[in-house]
Amino acid sequence: MIRIELDEPTLARTRIAISPIWEVMASLCLLHSNPGALPWPYTGWARHARQVLAEAPATIPARTFVTPEGWHPDFLTPVPSTPAATLTEELAVVRATPPDVIATQLLRYRRAGDLPAWLRPFTTDRQAALDRYADGVQAYWDAVIAPWWPAMRAALDEEVLHRARALAAAGPDALLADLHERVRWERPVLTLVKPLEHRFRAADQRLLLIPLIFSRGALACSTDHPEIVSVSYQARGSAVLADRPPNGRNTDVDGVVATDRLAILVGRGRAAVLRSLVRPATTAGLAATLGLAPSTVSEHLAALLAAGVVHRRRAGRRVLYGLEPAGTALVTLVDAEPVTASA
């Protein structure tokens, strides 16, 4: 468990921000920790990503995130300076990392023994190492994430808006209590359910929450910034990764067209809506997540309601849609792994 004790000033300064470079980190860790086929909605994206990593040497420096030690210094994933920083802005911060920041953050490794070989260039030829790493991240981003980013960004914007409304309406306690199933809030301690054990206190700082499409339940925490404690969590909206490869077709490395049984059964649009409703959502939220027009989402929802696989509930001024037991069974039991057919 990671237990973060938050004092009142830190809790009162809770904010939310999007970070492209944290998405890069999370996506590479996701691929590394799941060497086999990833489940829906990551399946097609992961197939494409692994092909790029195998064939594009320019992306190799980006793999610095995936280390035998399972940890990387925070200067490689700087805390976003604005609510919606661009990758260009974040990489500019990386390239300008001061030598004293690198030296301070690498003390953790030095205490454990010799500095690993992959980190030594950041001390012996700092600027060249930072530039090489930033160029690798950019190459990886351009080939693996950028084609999906417009849809991802729309889903993340919806997530931030949803959380910001909760923060404004009910305060940080309500926000943290409903953040993620593996995030527990028992004032004044925020607990991240992870296999390692660590505890620290945040005094007179700021808590920054970073929603990630590629988290898939994994949680990350950054504590090296003197003023900010950052915590990432799984954002709603990962369904945007499904059926959105760069060429507009869902293909595997051999050029085989991929389909899935649920889409064959109910249609691609309704299959996407069903899968997204594993967590309740509004019509507007679904539209942003899936990149569909609200009228199209409404049409799919009406059909799914009539079929008895989806329900609707009013929560204040919002109408939330969720899965009925029959809908959960449909999503769970109908195998979503792609079957192949000749192109």
Protein backbone atom coordinates (compact mmCIF):
# COMPACT_ATOMS: atom_id res chain seq x y z
CA MET A 1 0.00 0.00 0.00
CA ILE A 2 1.03 3.60 -0.61
CA ARG A 3 -0.44 5.76 2.13
CA ILE A 4 -0.39 9.53 1.68
CA GLU A 5 -1.37 11.64 4.66
CA LEU A 6 -2.86 14.90 3.38
CA ASP A 7 -3.10 17.97 5.58
CA GLU A 8 -5.98 20.43 5.12
CA PRO A 9 -4.09 22.95 2.90
CA THR A 10 -2.98 20.15 0.55
CA LEU A 11 -6.46 18.67 0.38
CA ALA A 12 -8.02 22.08 -0.26
CA ARG A 13 -5.69 22.59 -3.25
CA THR A 14 -6.74 19.41 -5.06
CA ARG A 15 -6.64 19.87 -8.83
CA ILE A 16 -6.97 17.71 -11.98
CA ALA A 17 -4.75 17.75 -15.08
CA ILE A 18 -4.19 15.84 -18.32
CA SER A 19 -0.65 14.67 -19.13
CA PRO A 20 0.37 13.17 -22.50
CA ILE A 21 3.78 12.07 -21.21
CA TRP A 22 2.15 10.19 -18.33
CA GLU A 23 -0.01 8.44 -20.96
CA VAL A 24 3.21 7.42 -22.77
CA MET A 25 4.58 6.01 -19.50
CA ALA A 26 1.35 4.17 -18.69
CA SER A 27 1.01 2.70 -22.19
CA LEU A 28 4.54 1.30 -22.21
CA CYS A 29 4.12 -0.15 -18.72
CA LEU A 30 0.82 -1.70 -19.83
CA LEU A 31 2.52 -3.43 -22.77
CA HIS A 32 5.40 -4.59 -20.60
CA SER A 33 3.23 -6.02 -17.82
CA ASN A 34 0.97 -7.86 -20.30
CA PRO A 35 3.25 -9.73 -22.72
CA GLY A 36 0.32 -11.66 -24.15
CA ALA A 37 -2.74 -10.29 -25.91
CA LEU A 38 -4.35 -7.42 -24.05
CA PRO A 39 -8.12 -7.52 -23.46
CA TRP A 40 -10.64 -5.22 -25.10
CA PRO A 41 -10.42 -2.27 -25.68
CA TYR A 42 -6.60 -2.38 -25.82
CA THR A 43 -6.30 -5.40 -28.12
CA GLY A 44 -6.03 -3.71 -31.53
CA TRP A 45 -4.02 -0.78 -30.20
CA ALA A 46 -1.52 -3.09 -28.46
CA ARG A 47 -1.05 -5.12 -31.63
CA HIS A 48 -0.22 -1.96 -33.53
CA ALA A 49 2.03 -0.63 -30.74
CA ARG A 50 4.08 -3.83 -30.57
CA GLN A 51 4.58 -3.78 -34.32
CA VAL A 52 5.85 -0.19 -34.13
CA LEU A 53 8.20 -1.00 -31.24
CA ALA A 54 9.60 -3.95 -33.18
CA GLU A 55 10.15 -2.02 -36.40
CA ALA A 56 10.96 1.57 -35.36
CA PRO A 57 14.38 1.97 -33.69
CA ALA A 58 13.66 5.67 -33.07
CA THR A 59 11.23 4.68 -30.31
CA ILE A 60 13.83 2.72 -28.29
CA PRO A 61 14.76 5.59 -25.89
CA ALA A 62 11.11 5.86 -24.83
CA ARG A 63 11.38 2.40 -23.32
CA THR A 64 13.43 3.92 -20.50
CA PHE A 65 10.14 3.83 -18.57
CA VAL A 66 10.23 0.03 -18.43
CA THR A 67 13.05 -0.83 -16.03
CA PRO A 68 14.05 -4.01 -14.15
CA GLU A 69 13.72 -2.04 -10.93
CA GLY A 70 10.12 -1.05 -11.69
CA TRP A 71 10.86 2.58 -10.93
CA HIS A 72 12.02 5.60 -12.91
CA PRO A 73 13.03 9.08 -11.69
CA ASP A 74 10.28 11.68 -11.80
CA PHE A 75 12.17 14.03 -14.10
CA LEU A 76 11.31 11.65 -16.95
CA THR A 77 7.60 12.29 -16.34
CA PRO A 78 7.40 15.88 -15.07
CA VAL A 79 4.32 17.07 -13.24
CA PRO A 80 2.08 18.89 -15.77
CA SER A 81 2.37 22.64 -15.28
CA THR A 82 -1.08 23.41 -16.71
CA PRO A 83 -4.45 21.57 -16.67
CA ALA A 84 -4.02 20.50 -20.29
CA ALA A 85 -0.32 20.50 -21.16
CA THR A 86 0.73 19.35 -24.63
CA LEU A 87 3.43 16.75 -25.21
CA THR A 88 5.60 19.47 -26.77
CA GLU A 89 5.38 21.51 -23.59
CA GLU A 90 6.15 18.53 -21.38
CA LEU A 91 9.14 17.46 -23.48
CA ALA A 92 10.50 21.01 -23.32
CA VAL A 93 10.46 20.67 -19.52
CA VAL A 94 12.28 17.33 -19.79
CA ARG A 95 14.98 18.77 -22.06
CA ALA A 96 15.55 21.64 -19.61
CA THR A 97 15.86 19.46 -16.48
CA PRO A 98 18.57 21.05 -14.29
CA PRO A 99 21.55 18.92 -13.19
CA ASP A 100 20.71 19.36 -9.49
CA VAL A 101 17.21 17.92 -10.02
CA ILE A 102 18.66 14.84 -11.71
CA ALA A 103 21.29 14.41 -8.99
CA THR A 104 18.70 14.66 -6.21
CA GLN A 105 16.28 12.19 -7.76
CA LEU A 106 18.99 9.65 -8.56
CA LEU A 107 20.02 9.48 -4.90
CA ARG A 108 17.39 6.76 -4.46
CA TYR A 109 19.33 4.54 -6.83
CA ARG A 110 22.73 5.42 -5.42
CA ARG A 111 21.60 4.41 -1.93
CA ALA A 112 20.80 0.94 -3.29
CA GLY A 113 24.22 0.53 -4.89
CA ASP A 114 25.76 1.42 -8.22
CA LEU A 115 23.71 3.52 -10.64
CA PRO A 116 22.17 1.29 -13.34
CA ALA A 117 23.72 1.60 -16.78
CA TRP A 118 20.57 3.09 -18.33
CA LEU A 119 20.69 6.03 -15.92
CA ARG A 120 24.40 6.86 -16.13
CA PRO A 121 24.16 8.98 -19.32
CA PHE A 122 21.91 11.44 -17.46
CA THR A 123 24.86 12.20 -15.18
CA THR A 124 27.76 11.92 -17.64
CA ASP A 125 26.23 13.64 -20.69
CA ARG A 126 23.01 15.14 -19.34
CA GLN A 127 21.77 17.17 -22.31
CA ALA A 128 22.47 14.49 -24.90
CA ALA A 129 20.68 11.89 -22.74
CA LEU A 130 17.67 14.14 -22.16
CA ASP A 131 17.41 15.00 -25.87
CA ARG A 132 17.75 11.36 -26.91
CA TYR A 133 15.04 10.34 -24.47
CA ALA A 134 12.70 13.20 -25.51
CA ASP A 135 13.18 12.37 -29.20
CA GLY A 136 12.32 8.73 -28.49
CA VAL A 137 9.15 9.70 -26.63
CA GLN A 138 8.12 11.94 -29.52
CA ALA A 139 8.72 9.16 -32.07
CA TYR A 140 6.71 6.70 -29.98
CA TRP A 141 3.92 9.23 -29.50
CA ASP A 142 3.68 10.05 -33.22
CA ALA A 143 3.42 6.40 -34.25
CA VAL A 144 1.56 4.78 -31.36
CA ILE A 145 -0.63 7.34 -29.57
CA ALA A 146 -1.14 10.40 -31.79
CA PRO A 147 -3.62 8.66 -34.16
CA TRP A 148 -5.85 7.94 -31.15
CA TRP A 149 -5.20 11.20 -29.30
CA PRO A 150 -8.19 13.30 -30.54
CA ALA A 151 -10.63 10.69 -29.25
CA MET A 152 -8.56 10.14 -26.09
CA ARG A 153 -8.41 13.88 -25.45
CA ALA A 154 -12.20 14.21 -25.80
CA ALA A 155 -12.69 11.38 -23.29
CA LEU A 156 -10.17 12.90 -20.89
CA ASP A 157 -11.82 16.32 -21.17
CA GLU A 158 -15.12 14.69 -20.22
CA GLU A 159 -13.42 12.95 -17.27
CA VAL A 160 -11.88 16.20 -16.04
CA LEU A 161 -15.20 18.02 -16.38
CA HIS A 162 -16.99 15.27 -14.46
CA ARG A 163 -14.43 15.29 -11.64
CA ALA A 164 -14.24 19.09 -11.54
CA ARG A 165 -18.01 19.29 -11.11
CA ALA A 166 -17.84 16.77 -8.27
CA LEU A 167 -15.03 18.73 -6.64
CA ALA A 168 -16.93 22.01 -6.92
CA ALA A 169 -20.24 20.56 -5.77
CA ALA A 170 -19.18 18.26 -2.94
CA GLY A 171 -15.56 19.04 -2.17
CA PRO A 172 -12.39 16.91 -2.24
CA ASP A 173 -13.70 14.30 0.22
CA ALA A 174 -16.46 13.21 -2.16
CA LEU A 175 -14.11 13.34 -5.13
CA LEU A 176 -11.45 11.12 -3.56
CA ALA A 177 -13.98 8.68 -2.13
CA ASP A 178 -15.25 7.90 -5.65
CA LEU A 179 -12.01 8.13 -7.59
CA HIS A 180 -11.22 4.47 -8.23
CA GLU A 181 -11.90 1.08 -6.68
CA ARG A 182 -8.23 0.79 -5.67
CA VAL A 183 -8.06 4.29 -4.18
CA ARG A 184 -9.32 4.53 -0.61
CA TRP A 185 -9.95 7.78 1.20
CA GLU A 186 -10.17 7.73 4.98
CA ARG A 187 -9.41 11.24 6.09
CA PRO A 188 -6.64 12.24 6.29
CA VAL A 189 -5.04 9.25 4.52
CA LEU A 190 -5.28 8.53 0.78
CA THR A 191 -4.38 4.88 0.16
CA LEU A 192 -3.33 3.47 -3.21
CA VAL A 193 -3.75 -0.30 -3.25
CA LYS A 194 -0.41 -1.52 -4.64
CA PRO A 195 1.97 -4.37 -3.78
CA LEU A 196 4.73 -2.11 -2.39
CA GLU A 197 4.68 -0.48 1.04
CA HIS A 198 5.32 3.24 1.42
CA ARG A 199 3.95 6.01 3.60
CA PHE A 200 4.58 9.75 3.63
CA ARG A 201 2.96 13.01 4.64
CA ALA A 202 2.08 15.87 2.29
CA ALA A 203 2.18 19.15 4.22
CA ASP A 204 1.19 22.48 2.68
CA GLN A 205 1.47 21.12 -0.86
CA ARG A 206 -1.02 20.51 -3.67
CA LEU A 207 -2.66 17.22 -4.68
CA LEU A 208 -2.76 16.78 -8.44
CA LEU A 209 -4.93 14.02 -9.92
CA ILE A 210 -3.98 12.76 -13.40
CA PRO A 211 -6.57 10.59 -15.21
CA LEU A 212 -5.05 8.13 -17.69
CA ILE A 213 -6.65 6.15 -20.51
CA PHE A 214 -3.82 3.60 -20.42
CA SER A 215 -3.79 3.05 -16.66
CA ARG A 216 -6.04 -0.04 -16.73
CA GLY A 217 -6.30 0.00 -12.97
CA ALA A 218 -2.62 0.72 -12.30
CA LEU A 219 -1.89 3.65 -10.01
CA ALA A 220 1.19 5.88 -10.04
CA CYS A 221 2.38 8.41 -7.51
CA SER A 222 5.00 11.16 -7.90
CA THR A 223 6.39 12.83 -4.79
CA ASP A 224 9.66 14.46 -5.87
CA HIS A 225 8.14 17.84 -6.73
CA PRO A 226 8.59 20.20 -3.75
CA GLU A 227 5.08 21.65 -4.04
CA ILE A 228 2.96 18.93 -5.67
CA VAL A 229 1.98 15.33 -4.95
CA SER A 230 0.69 13.68 -8.13
CA VAL A 231 -1.54 10.60 -8.27
CA SER A 232 -2.71 8.96 -11.49
CA TYR A 233 -5.80 6.78 -11.84
CA GLN A 234 -7.81 4.97 -14.51
CA ALA A 235 -10.00 7.42 -16.43
CA ARG A 236 -13.31 6.42 -17.90
CA GLY A 237 -13.28 6.33 -21.67
CA SER A 238 -10.69 3.71 -22.61
CA ALA A 239 -13.25 2.43 -25.14
CA VAL A 240 -11.95 5.07 -27.54
CA LEU A 241 -8.97 2.79 -28.22
CA ALA A 242 -11.19 0.13 -29.76
CA ASP A 243 -11.43 -0.05 -33.55
CA ARG A 244 -9.43 3.14 -34.05
CA PRO A 245 -6.15 2.17 -35.71
CA PRO A 246 -4.28 4.77 -37.80
CA ASN A 247 -5.49 3.39 -41.14
CA GLY A 248 -9.12 3.33 -40.02
CA ARG A 249 -9.28 -0.49 -40.11
CA ASN A 250 -8.73 -2.90 -37.27
CA THR A 251 -5.93 -5.11 -38.64
CA ASP A 252 -3.31 -7.31 -37.11
CA VAL A 253 0.34 -7.48 -38.11
CA ASP A 254 -0.46 -9.76 -41.05
CA GLY A 255 -3.06 -7.42 -42.47
CA VAL A 256 -5.98 -9.58 -41.33
CA VAL A 257 -9.23 -7.74 -40.72
CA ALA A 258 -10.33 -8.22 -37.11
CA THR A 259 -13.92 -8.38 -35.91
CA ASP A 260 -15.49 -9.48 -32.66
CA ARG A 261 -18.52 -11.52 -31.75
CA LEU A 262 -20.34 -8.84 -29.79
CA ALA A 263 -20.10 -6.42 -32.74
CA ILE A 264 -21.36 -9.15 -35.08
CA LEU A 265 -24.27 -9.78 -32.73
CA VAL A 266 -25.46 -6.24 -31.98
CA GLY A 267 -23.47 -3.98 -34.33
CA ARG A 268 -20.24 -2.09 -33.73
CA GLY A 269 -21.87 1.05 -32.36
CA ARG A 270 -24.06 -0.75 -29.86
CA ALA A 271 -21.18 -3.06 -28.88
CA ALA A 272 -19.05 -0.01 -28.09
CA VAL A 273 -21.85 1.54 -26.02
CA LEU A 274 -22.40 -1.70 -24.09
CA ARG A 275 -18.72 -2.07 -23.26
CA SER A 276 -18.45 1.55 -22.19
CA LEU A 277 -21.34 1.10 -19.77
CA VAL A 278 -19.30 -1.20 -17.54
CA ARG A 279 -19.21 2.07 -15.59
CA PRO A 280 -22.40 4.21 -15.66
CA ALA A 281 -22.24 7.19 -17.99
CA THR A 282 -24.34 9.97 -19.47
CA THR A 283 -25.28 10.30 -23.12
CA ALA A 284 -22.86 13.22 -23.46
CA GLY A 285 -20.12 11.27 -21.72
CA LEU A 286 -20.59 8.30 -24.02
CA ALA A 287 -20.56 10.55 -27.07
CA ALA A 288 -17.26 12.13 -25.99
CA THR A 289 -15.74 8.79 -25.05
CA LEU A 290 -16.70 6.98 -28.25
CA GLY A 291 -16.34 9.89 -30.67
CA LEU A 292 -19.97 9.54 -31.77
CA ALA A 293 -22.69 12.14 -32.21
CA PRO A 294 -25.02 12.42 -29.17
CA SER A 295 -27.98 11.59 -31.41
CA THR A 296 -26.29 8.36 -32.50
CA VAL A 297 -25.57 7.39 -28.89
CA SER A 298 -29.19 8.16 -27.96
CA GLU A 299 -30.41 5.89 -30.75
CA HIS A 300 -28.18 3.03 -29.57
CA LEU A 301 -29.27 3.52 -25.96
CA ALA A 302 -32.95 3.47 -26.91
CA ALA A 303 -32.49 0.12 -28.65
CA LEU A 304 -30.49 -1.33 -25.76
CA LEU A 305 -33.10 -0.10 -23.26
CA ALA A 306 -35.84 -1.75 -25.30
CA ALA A 307 -33.85 -4.99 -25.30
CA GLY A 308 -33.59 -4.90 -21.50
CA VAL A 309 -29.79 -4.96 -21.35
CA VAL A 310 -29.37 -1.34 -20.18
CA HIS A 311 -31.11 0.77 -17.54
CA ARG A 312 -31.32 4.51 -16.89
CA ARG A 313 -31.21 6.23 -13.49
CA ARG A 314 -31.50 9.89 -12.57
CA ALA A 315 -28.71 11.26 -10.35
CA GLY A 316 -29.51 14.87 -9.54
CA ARG A 317 -29.70 16.72 -12.84
CA ARG A 318 -27.96 13.96 -14.78
CA VAL A 319 -29.32 10.77 -16.31
CA LEU A 320 -26.91 7.88 -16.01
CA TYR A 321 -27.06 4.71 -18.08
CA GLY A 322 -25.70 1.39 -16.84
CA LEU A 323 -25.79 -2.32 -17.56
CA GLU A 324 -28.60 -4.59 -16.48
CA PRO A 325 -27.52 -8.11 -15.42
CA ALA A 326 -28.38 -9.29 -18.93
CA GLY A 327 -26.12 -6.60 -20.38
CA THR A 328 -23.26 -7.54 -18.07
CA ALA A 329 -23.66 -11.17 -19.06
CA LEU A 330 -23.68 -10.22 -22.73
CA VAL A 331 -20.46 -8.25 -22.46
CA THR A 332 -18.79 -10.82 -20.22
CA LEU A 333 -19.81 -14.05 -21.89
CA VAL A 334 -19.66 -13.11 -25.54
CA ASP A 335 -16.00 -13.47 -26.32
CA ALA A 336 -14.61 -10.09 -27.44
CA GLU A 337 -11.29 -11.48 -28.62
CA PRO A 338 -11.12 -10.93 -32.39
CA VAL A 339 -11.72 -13.68 -34.84
CA THR A 340 -10.11 -13.29 -38.24
CA ALA A 341 -11.30 -13.32 -41.80
CA SER A 342 -9.50 -12.68 -45.03
CA ALA A 343 -9.27 -9.02 -46.02
